Protein backbone atom coordinates (compact mmCIF):
# COMPACT_ATOMS: atom_id res chain seq x y z
CA MET A 1 217.02 118.02 157.29
CA VAL A 2 215.02 120.13 155.11
CA TRP A 3 211.91 119.18 154.35
CA ARG A 4 210.22 121.86 152.22
CA VAL A 5 210.44 125.34 151.59
CA VAL A 6 208.31 128.29 152.04
CA VAL A 7 208.26 132.17 151.25
CA HIS A 8 206.61 134.63 152.84
CA ASP A 9 207.11 138.75 152.91
CA ASP A 10 210.11 137.71 150.37
CA HIS A 11 211.71 135.92 152.92
CA ARG A 12 213.13 132.10 152.63
CA TRP A 13 211.88 129.36 155.48
CA ASN A 14 212.99 125.40 155.35
CA VAL A 15 210.61 123.69 157.51
CA SER A 16 210.89 120.55 158.50
CA PRO A 17 207.92 118.83 160.41
CA ALA A 18 208.06 116.68 164.72
CA ALA A 19 205.30 115.17 166.74
CA GLU A 20 204.92 115.94 169.80
CA ARG A 21 202.98 114.06 173.19
CA ARG A 22 202.53 115.83 175.72
CA ALA A 23 202.17 113.94 179.48
CA ASN A 24 198.72 111.44 180.20
CA SER A 25 197.38 112.16 176.30
CA PRO A 26 198.33 108.85 173.97
CA ASN A 27 198.18 111.53 171.20
CA TRP A 28 200.86 112.76 169.09
CA ASN A 29 200.77 116.25 168.13
CA LEU A 30 201.88 117.48 164.49
CA VAL A 31 204.23 120.39 165.55
CA PHE A 32 206.38 122.68 162.30
CA ALA A 33 209.20 123.93 162.42
CA PHE A 34 209.93 127.42 160.27
CA ARG A 35 213.91 127.97 159.87
CA PRO A 36 214.93 131.13 158.33
CA THR A 37 217.20 130.87 155.68
CA ASP A 38 218.00 134.65 157.37
CA LEU A 39 220.57 134.19 160.01
CA GLU A 40 218.31 138.18 161.22
CA ARG A 41 215.59 136.02 161.69
CA ARG A 42 214.41 133.63 164.60
CA PRO A 43 213.50 130.45 164.08
CA VAL A 44 209.50 129.83 164.73
CA TRP A 45 207.39 126.53 165.89
CA ALA A 46 203.69 126.08 165.18
CA THR A 47 201.73 123.02 166.38
CA TYR A 48 199.55 123.03 163.97
CA PRO A 49 195.60 121.28 164.12
CA LEU A 50 196.06 118.12 163.55
CA SER A 51 196.77 114.58 166.12
CA SER A 52 196.86 110.86 165.85
CA ALA A 53 198.20 108.37 167.64
CA SER A 54 200.11 106.98 165.33
CA ARG A 55 203.52 108.73 164.38
CA ALA A 56 203.33 107.75 161.31
CA ALA A 57 200.17 107.91 160.23
CA LEU A 58 200.54 112.31 161.40
CA PHE A 59 203.55 112.38 159.42
CA ALA A 60 201.56 110.86 155.78
CA GLN A 61 198.64 113.71 156.82
CA ALA A 62 201.41 116.18 157.39
CA GLU A 63 202.93 115.46 153.42
CA LYS A 64 199.43 116.15 151.80
CA LEU A 65 199.14 119.58 153.29
CA PRO A 66 199.95 121.97 150.77
CA ASP A 67 202.43 125.00 150.87
CA ASP A 68 199.95 127.22 151.68
CA ALA A 69 198.24 125.79 154.49
CA LEU A 70 202.11 125.89 156.21
CA THR A 71 203.14 129.62 154.62
CA ALA A 72 199.49 130.78 156.51
CA LEU A 73 200.75 129.15 159.89
CA LEU A 74 203.91 130.89 159.47
CA ALA A 75 202.37 133.81 159.09
CA GLU A 76 199.75 133.63 162.52
CA GLN A 77 203.26 133.05 164.10
CA LEU A 78 204.59 136.20 163.30
CA GLU A 79 202.11 138.38 163.55
């Protein structure tokens, strides 16, 4: 399911949030999956600097992020 769509360098990316909890950690970390609509590009996974003990609270924080923040995170990963 696509959560949002962002555009970077004239390419559209479908964005989906995920929560990841690492071993021995009580907190969930926010991760985004960027999937290109152009099949020649590869998908990108990126950890965003937000964490919470509650997955629901983490996703609520993700909802407040502007598209510009997601585009900047994608740009970092593509460099």
